Amino acid sequence: MAKTFEESIKELENIVTRLEDGDVSLEESIKLFENGMKLSNSCKKMLETAEKKVSVLTDNGNGEMTKEPFLPEDNK
C-alpha cells in the first residue's frame, strides 16, 4: 500500500533527525539518505499531482461562476 503524503513527510522528518543526530554509521547514513531522497521525490510528485487537480471558482463578471486552473501567485 502506498504511503500518504503525511506518512511520507513524517518518515522524512524522522530520517533527517537521525542523520542530524549523527549516531548512525556511514553505511546506515547512506541508506537513510537514499530512502530520504526517494521519499522526497515521492512527496514532490504527490504535490505536483495535487496542484494539477486544484481549480478555483471565480466570478466571470456576469454573475456566473467558472472553473479556472489554479495558478500560484508567482505565476499570475
PDB file of N, CA and C in Angstrom:
ATOM      1  N   MET A   1       0.839  -1.188   0.000  1.00  0.00           N
ATOM      2  CA  MET A   1       0.000   0.000   0.000  1.00  0.00           C
ATOM      3  C   MET A   1       0.881   1.247   0.000  1.00  0.00           C
ATOM      4  N   ALA A   2       0.546   2.200  -0.856  1.00  0.00           N
ATOM      5  CA  ALA A   2       1.334   3.426  -0.955  1.00  0.00           C
ATOM      6  C   ALA A   2       1.134   4.290   0.289  1.00  0.00           C
ATOM      7  N   LYS A   3       2.188   4.978   0.653  1.00  0.00           N
ATOM      8  CA  LYS A   3       2.124   5.871   1.805  1.00  0.00           C
ATOM      9  C   LYS A   3       1.416   7.155   1.421  1.00  0.00           C
ATOM     10  N   THR A   4       0.749   7.734   2.394  1.00  0.00           N
ATOM     11  CA  THR A   4       0.134   9.038   2.171  1.00  0.00           C
ATOM     12  C   THR A   4       1.228  10.100   2.212  1.00  0.00           C
ATOM     13  N   PHE A   5       0.874  11.296   1.773  1.00  0.00           N
ATOM     14  CA  PHE A   5       1.809  12.412   1.820  1.00  0.00           C
ATOM     15  C   PHE A   5       2.261  12.657   3.255  1.00  0.00           C
ATOM     16  N   GLU A   6       1.294  12.633   4.168  1.00  0.00           N
ATOM     17  CA  GLU A   6       1.598  12.911   5.578  1.00  0.00           C
ATOM     18  C   GLU A   6       2.526  11.845   6.173  1.00  0.00           C
ATOM     19  N   GLU A   7       2.286  10.580   5.831  1.00  0.00           N
ATOM     20  CA  GLU A   7       3.146   9.499   6.316  1.00  0.00           C
ATOM     21  C   GLU A   7       4.567   9.656   5.770  1.00  0.00           C
ATOM     22  N   SER A   8       4.663  10.007   4.503  1.00  0.00           N
ATOM     23  CA  SER A   8       5.975  10.191   3.882  1.00  0.00           C
ATOM     24  C   SER A   8       6.734  11.348   4.506  1.00  0.00           C
ATOM     25  N   ILE A   9       6.037  12.453   4.754  1.00  0.00           N
ATOM     26  CA  ILE A   9       6.683  13.608   5.380  1.00  0.00           C
ATOM     27  C   ILE A   9       7.178  13.261   6.780  1.00  0.00           C
ATOM     28  N   LYS A  10       6.348  12.549   7.548  1.00  0.00           N
ATOM     29  CA  LYS A  10       6.731  12.153   8.910  1.00  0.00           C
ATOM     30  C   LYS A  10       7.978  11.266   8.875  1.00  0.00           C
ATOM     31  N   GLU A  11       8.004  10.309   7.954  1.00  0.00           N
ATOM     32  CA  GLU A  11       9.171   9.434   7.843  1.00  0.00           C
ATOM     33  C   GLU A  11      10.400  10.231   7.412  1.00  0.00           C
ATOM     34  N   LEU A  12      10.206  11.167   6.512  1.00  0.00           N
ATOM     35  CA  LEU A  12      11.318  12.012   6.071  1.00  0.00           C
ATOM     36  C   LEU A  12      11.860  12.847   7.232  1.00  0.00           C
ATOM     37  N   GLU A  13      10.970  13.367   8.057  1.00  0.00           N
ATOM     38  CA  GLU A  13      11.393  14.126   9.248  1.00  0.00           C
ATOM     39  C   GLU A  13      12.200  13.240  10.191  1.00  0.00           C
ATOM     40  N   ASN A  14      11.771  11.995  10.374  1.00  0.00           N
ATOM     41  CA  ASN A  14      12.494  11.066  11.242  1.00  0.00           C
ATOM     42  C   ASN A  14      13.890  10.777  10.686  1.00  0.00           C
ATOM     43  N   ILE A  15      13.994  10.635   9.380  1.00  0.00           N
ATOM     44  CA  ILE A  15      15.290  10.385   8.750  1.00  0.00           C
ATOM     45  C   ILE A  15      16.216  11.573   8.967  1.00  0.00           C
ATOM     46  N   VAL A  16      15.692  12.774   8.752  1.00  0.00           N
ATOM     47  CA  VAL A  16      16.502  13.977   8.942  1.00  0.00           C
ATOM     48  C   VAL A  16      16.995  14.067  10.385  1.00  0.00           C
ATOM     49  N   THR A  17      16.125  13.781  11.334  1.00  0.00           N
ATOM     50  CA  THR A  17      16.509  13.822  12.749  1.00  0.00           C
ATOM     51  C   THR A  17      17.622  12.827  13.036  1.00  0.00           C
ATOM     52  N   ARG A  18      17.484  11.606  12.531  1.00  0.00           N
ATOM     53  CA  ARG A  18      18.520  10.580  12.762  1.00  0.00           C
ATOM     54  C   ARG A  18      19.840  10.989  12.142  1.00  0.00           C
ATOM     55  N   LEU A  19      19.789  11.564  10.941  1.00  0.00           N
ATOM     56  CA  LEU A  19      21.028  11.993  10.288  1.00  0.00           C
ATOM     57  C   LEU A  19      21.666  13.167  11.026  1.00  0.00           C
ATOM     58  N   GLU A  20      20.844  14.088  11.510  1.00  0.00           N
ATOM     59  CA  GLU A  20      21.374  15.241  12.244  1.00  0.00           C
ATOM     60  C   GLU A  20      21.990  14.830  13.574  1.00  0.00           C
ATOM     61  N   ASP A  21      21.406  13.808  14.212  1.00  0.00           N
ATOM     62  CA  ASP A  21      21.947  13.342  15.489  1.00  0.00           C
ATOM     63  C   ASP A  21      23.338  12.764  15.332  1.00  0.00           C
ATOM     64  N   GLY A  22      23.632  12.191  14.168  1.00  0.00           N
ATOM     65  CA  GLY A  22      24.964  11.665  13.898  1.00  0.00           C
ATOM     66  C   GLY A  22      25.288  10.375  14.613  1.00  0.00           C
ATOM     67  N   ASP A  23      24.278   9.668  15.124  1.00  0.00           N
ATOM     68  CA  ASP A  23      24.514   8.441  15.874  1.00  0.00           C
ATOM     69  C   ASP A  23      24.402   7.184  15.015  1.00  0.00           C
ATOM     70  N   VAL A  24      24.504   7.336  13.695  1.00  0.00           N
ATOM     71  CA  VAL A  24      24.417   6.184  12.807  1.00  0.00           C
ATOM     72  C   VAL A  24      25.714   6.046  12.021  1.00  0.00           C
ATOM     73  N   SER A  25      25.993   4.822  11.619  1.00  0.00           N
ATOM     74  CA  SER A  25      27.213   4.559  10.860  1.00  0.00           C
ATOM     75  C   SER A  25      27.123   5.206   9.480  1.00  0.00           C
ATOM     76  N   LEU A  26      28.262   5.267   8.809  1.00  0.00           N
ATOM     77  CA  LEU A  26      28.300   5.835   7.466  1.00  0.00           C
ATOM     78  C   LEU A  26      27.397   5.036   6.531  1.00  0.00           C
ATOM     79  N   GLU A  27      27.470   3.724   6.620  1.00  0.00           N
ATOM     80  CA  GLU A  27      26.654   2.863   5.769  1.00  0.00           C
ATOM     81  C   GLU A  27      25.162   3.114   6.012  1.00  0.00           C
ATOM     82  N   GLU A  28      24.766   3.195   7.280  1.00  0.00           N
ATOM     83  CA  GLU A  28      23.367   3.465   7.619  1.00  0.00           C
ATOM     84  C   GLU A  28      22.969   4.870   7.174  1.00  0.00           C
ATOM     85  N   SER A  29      23.889   5.825   7.307  1.00  0.00           N
ATOM     86  CA  SER A  29      23.606   7.192   6.863  1.00  0.00           C
ATOM     87  C   SER A  29      23.304   7.231   5.370  1.00  0.00           C
ATOM     88  N   ILE A  30      24.065   6.480   4.597  1.00  0.00           N
ATOM     89  CA  ILE A  30      23.858   6.440   3.150  1.00  0.00           C
ATOM     90  C   ILE A  30      22.496   5.831   2.827  1.00  0.00           C
ATOM     91  N   LYS A  31      22.147   4.743   3.525  1.00  0.00           N
ATOM     92  CA  LYS A  31      20.836   4.112   3.306  1.00  0.00           C
ATOM     93  C   LYS A  31      19.709   5.071   3.676  1.00  0.00           C
ATOM     94  N   LEU A  32      19.857   5.756   4.802  1.00  0.00           N
ATOM     95  CA  LEU A  32      18.840   6.722   5.220  1.00  0.00           C
ATOM     96  C   LEU A  32      18.713   7.854   4.204  1.00  0.00           C
ATOM     97  N   PHE A  33      19.853   8.338   3.725  1.00  0.00           N
ATOM     98  CA  PHE A  33      19.854   9.418   2.746  1.00  0.00           C
ATOM     99  C   PHE A  33      19.145   8.979   1.461  1.00  0.00           C
ATOM    100  N   GLU A  34      19.464   7.776   0.979  1.00  0.00           N
ATOM    101  CA  GLU A  34      18.824   7.254  -0.236  1.00  0.00           C
ATOM    102  C   GLU A  34      17.313   7.141  -0.052  1.00  0.00           C
ATOM    103  N   ASN A  35      16.891   6.611   1.096  1.00  0.00           N
ATOM    104  CA  ASN A  35      15.463   6.485   1.389  1.00  0.00           C
ATOM    105  C   ASN A  35      14.816   7.873   1.478  1.00  0.00           C
ATOM    106  N   GLY A  36      15.521   8.800   2.082  1.00  0.00           N
ATOM    107  CA  GLY A  36      15.022  10.172   2.194  1.00  0.00           C
ATOM    108  C   GLY A  36      14.835  10.816   0.833  1.00  0.00           C
ATOM    109  N   MET A  37      15.749  10.573  -0.087  1.00  0.00           N
ATOM    110  CA  MET A  37      15.633  11.122  -1.438  1.00  0.00           C
ATOM    111  C   MET A  37      14.426  10.517  -2.161  1.00  0.00           C
ATOM    112  N   LYS A  38      14.202   9.218  -1.971  1.00  0.00           N
ATOM    113  CA  LYS A  38      13.038   8.571  -2.586  1.00  0.00           C
ATOM    114  C   LYS A  38      11.745   9.160  -2.028  1.00  0.00           C
ATOM    115  N   LEU A  39      11.700   9.338  -0.713  1.00  0.00           N
ATOM    116  CA  LEU A  39      10.522   9.930  -0.079  1.00  0.00           C
ATOM    117  C   LEU A  39      10.302  11.367  -0.556  1.00  0.00           C
ATOM    118  N   SER A  40      11.381  12.115  -0.658  1.00  0.00           N
ATOM    119  CA  SER A  40      11.293  13.498  -1.116  1.00  0.00           C
ATOM    120  C   SER A  40      10.740  13.563  -2.540  1.00  0.00           C
ATOM    121  N   ASN A  41      11.226  12.713  -3.416  1.00  0.00           N
ATOM    122  CA  ASN A  41      10.734  12.680  -4.795  1.00  0.00           C
ATOM    123  C   ASN A  41       9.271  12.270  -4.849  1.00  0.00           C
ATOM    124  N   SER A  42       8.906  11.295  -4.008  1.00  0.00           N
ATOM    125  CA  SER A  42       7.518  10.848  -3.950  1.00  0.00           C
ATOM    126  C   SER A  42       6.604  11.981  -3.493  1.00  0.00           C
ATOM    127  N   CYS A  43       7.021  12.712  -2.469  1.00  0.00           N
ATOM    128  CA  CYS A  43       6.233  13.849  -1.970  1.00  0.00           C
ATOM    129  C   CYS A  43       6.102  14.929  -3.042  1.00  0.00           C
ATOM    130  N   LYS A  44       7.188  15.181  -3.760  1.00  0.00           N
ATOM    131  CA  LYS A  44       7.167  16.177  -4.822  1.00  0.00           C
ATOM    132  C   LYS A  44       6.151  15.789  -5.891  1.00  0.00           C
ATOM    133  N   LYS A  45       6.131  14.525  -6.270  1.00  0.00           N
ATOM    134  CA  LYS A  45       5.180  14.057  -7.284  1.00  0.00           C
ATOM    135  C   LYS A  45       3.743  14.187  -6.783  1.00  0.00           C
ATOM    136  N   MET A  46       3.523  13.847  -5.502  1.00  0.00           N
ATOM    137  CA  MET A  46       2.174  13.979  -4.937  1.00  0.00           C
ATOM    138  C   MET A  46       1.722  15.433  -4.942  1.00  0.00           C
ATOM    139  N   LEU A  47       2.623  16.353  -4.607  1.00  0.00           N
ATOM    140  CA  LEU A  47       2.276  17.773  -4.611  1.00  0.00           C
ATOM    141  C   LEU A  47       1.992  18.266  -6.023  1.00  0.00           C
ATOM    142  N   GLU A  48       2.785  17.823  -6.985  1.00  0.00           N
ATOM    143  CA  GLU A  48       2.557  18.225  -8.374  1.00  0.00           C
ATOM    144  C   GLU A  48       1.206  17.711  -8.869  1.00  0.00           C
ATOM    145  N   THR A  49       0.863  16.481  -8.510  1.00  0.00           N
ATOM    146  CA  THR A  49      -0.423  15.915  -8.897  1.00  0.00           C
ATOM    147  C   THR A  49      -1.561  16.696  -8.265  1.00  0.00           C
ATOM    148  N   ALA A  50      -1.420  17.018  -6.981  1.00  0.00           N
ATOM    149  CA  ALA A  50      -2.457  17.781  -6.283  1.00  0.00           C
ATOM    150  C   ALA A  50      -2.623  19.161  -6.914  1.00  0.00           C
ATOM    151  N   GLU A  51      -1.522  19.796  -7.266  1.00  0.00           N
ATOM    152  CA  GLU A  51      -1.575  21.132  -7.868  1.00  0.00           C
ATOM    153  C   GLU A  51      -2.337  21.096  -9.196  1.00  0.00           C
ATOM    154  N   LYS A  52      -2.142  20.036  -9.956  1.00  0.00           N
ATOM    155  CA  LYS A  52      -2.836  19.905 -11.236  1.00  0.00           C
ATOM    156  C   LYS A  52      -4.337  19.738 -11.033  1.00  0.00           C
ATOM    157  N   LYS A  53      -4.729  19.141  -9.914  1.00  0.00           N
ATOM    158  CA  LYS A  53      -6.150  18.900  -9.646  1.00  0.00           C
ATOM    159  C   LYS A  53      -6.873  20.119  -9.091  1.00  0.00           C
ATOM    160  N   VAL A  54      -6.100  21.046  -8.549  1.00  0.00           N
ATOM    161  CA  VAL A  54      -6.717  22.208  -7.906  1.00  0.00           C
ATOM    162  C   VAL A  54      -7.273  23.155  -8.962  1.00  0.00           C
ATOM    163  N   SER A  55      -8.489  23.565  -8.751  1.00  0.00           N
ATOM    164  CA  SER A  55      -9.056  24.604  -9.604  1.00  0.00           C
ATOM    165  C   SER A  55      -9.779  25.589  -8.708  1.00  0.00           C
ATOM    166  N   VAL A  56      -9.918  26.778  -9.200  1.00  0.00           N
ATOM    167  CA  VAL A  56     -10.508  27.841  -8.405  1.00  0.00           C
ATOM    168  C   VAL A  56     -11.773  28.332  -9.112  1.00  0.00           C
ATOM    169  N   LEU A  57     -12.843  28.458  -8.349  1.00  0.00           N
ATOM    170  CA  LEU A  57     -14.071  29.032  -8.901  1.00  0.00           C
ATOM    171  C   LEU A  57     -13.967  30.554  -8.828  1.00  0.00           C
ATOM    172  N   THR A  58     -14.219  31.181  -9.939  1.00  0.00           N
ATOM    173  CA  THR A  58     -14.149  32.642  -9.952  1.00  0.00           C
ATOM    174  C   THR A  58     -15.388  33.201 -10.616  1.00  0.00           C
ATOM    175  N   ASP A  59     -15.726  34.405 -10.245  1.00  0.00           N
ATOM    176  CA  ASP A  59     -16.850  35.118 -10.840  1.00  0.00           C
ATOM    177  C   ASP A  59     -16.341  35.744 -12.134  1.00  0.00           C
ATOM    178  N   ASN A  60     -16.981  35.414 -13.256  1.00  0.00           N
ATOM    179  CA  ASN A  60     -16.504  35.926 -14.543  1.00  0.00           C
ATOM    180  C   ASN A  60     -17.063  37.311 -14.872  1.00  0.00           C
ATOM    181  N   GLY A  61     -17.734  37.956 -13.939  1.00  0.00           N
ATOM    182  CA  GLY A  61     -18.208  39.320 -14.129  1.00  0.00           C
ATOM    183  C   GLY A  61     -19.687  39.432 -14.440  1.00  0.00           C
ATOM    184  N   ASN A  62     -20.300  38.360 -14.913  1.00  0.00           N
ATOM    185  CA  ASN A  62     -21.732  38.440 -15.217  1.00  0.00           C
ATOM    186  C   ASN A  62     -22.551  37.579 -14.267  1.00  0.00           C
ATOM    187  N   GLY A  63     -22.018  37.330 -13.099  1.00  0.00           N
ATOM    188  CA  GLY A  63     -22.743  36.583 -12.082  1.00  0.00           C
ATOM    189  C   GLY A  63     -22.614  35.077 -12.203  1.00  0.00           C
ATOM    190  N   GLU A  64     -21.916  34.597 -13.216  1.00  0.00           N
ATOM    191  CA  GLU A  64     -21.711  33.162 -13.380  1.00  0.00           C
ATOM    192  C   GLU A  64     -20.354  32.769 -12.810  1.00  0.00           C
ATOM    193  N   MET A  65     -20.309  31.574 -12.321  1.00  0.00           N
ATOM    194  CA  MET A  65     -19.057  31.055 -11.787  1.00  0.00           C
ATOM    195  C   MET A  65     -18.414  30.166 -12.849  1.00  0.00           C
ATOM    196  N   THR A  66     -17.128  30.322 -13.035  1.00  0.00           N
ATOM    197  CA  THR A  66     -16.400  29.487 -13.985  1.00  0.00           C
ATOM    198  C   THR A  66     -15.228  28.833 -13.283  1.00  0.00           C
ATOM    199  N   LYS A  67     -14.841  27.671 -13.780  1.00  0.00           N
ATOM    200  CA  LYS A  67     -13.667  26.992 -13.239  1.00  0.00           C
ATOM    201  C   LYS A  67     -12.449  27.429 -14.030  1.00  0.00           C
ATOM    202  N   GLU A  68     -11.407  27.773 -13.306  1.00  0.00           N
ATOM    203  CA  GLU A  68     -10.151  28.134 -13.934  1.00  0.00           C
ATOM    204  C   GLU A  68      -9.043  27.349 -13.265  1.00  0.00           C
ATOM    205  N   PRO A  69      -8.002  27.022 -14.009  1.00  0.00           N
ATOM    206  CA  PRO A  69      -6.893  26.305 -13.383  1.00  0.00           C
ATOM    207  C   PRO A  69      -6.235  27.159 -12.312  1.00  0.00           C
ATOM    208  N   PHE A  70      -5.772  26.499 -11.284  1.00  0.00           N
ATOM    209  CA  PHE A  70      -5.087  27.185 -10.193  1.00  0.00           C
ATOM    210  C   PHE A  70      -3.720  27.645 -10.666  1.00  0.00           C
ATOM    211  N   LEU A  71      -3.413  28.912 -10.456  1.00  0.00           N
ATOM    212  CA  LEU A  71      -2.084  29.442 -10.755  1.00  0.00           C
ATOM    213  C   LEU A  71      -1.507  30.041  -9.484  1.00  0.00           C
ATOM    214  N   PRO A  72      -0.354  29.523  -9.034  1.00  0.00           N
ATOM    215  CA  PRO A  72       0.271  30.099  -7.838  1.00  0.00           C
ATOM    216  C   PRO A  72       0.526  31.589  -8.049  1.00  0.00           C
ATOM    217  N   GLU A  73       0.595  32.336  -6.968  1.00  0.00           N
ATOM    218  CA  GLU A  73       0.766  33.794  -7.025  1.00  0.00           C
ATOM    219  C   GLU A  73       1.927  34.217  -7.915  1.00  0.00           C
ATOM    220  N   ASP A  74       3.040  33.497  -7.887  1.00  0.00           N
ATOM    221  CA  ASP A  74       4.204  33.911  -8.666  1.00  0.00           C
ATOM    222  C   ASP A  74       4.055  33.614 -10.156  1.00  0.00           C
ATOM    223  N   ASN A  75       3.002  32.896 -10.568  1.00  0.00           N
ATOM    224  CA  ASN A  75       2.782  32.589 -11.975  1.00  0.00           C
ATOM    225  C   ASN A  75       1.694  33.451 -12.600  1.00  0.00           C
ATOM    226  N   LYS A  76       1.085  34.344 -11.828  1.00  0.00           N
ATOM    227  CA  LYS A  76      -0.018  35.168 -12.349  1.00  0.00           C
ATOM    228  C   LYS A  76       0.533  36.371 -13.065  1.00  0.00           C
TER     229      LYS A  76
END
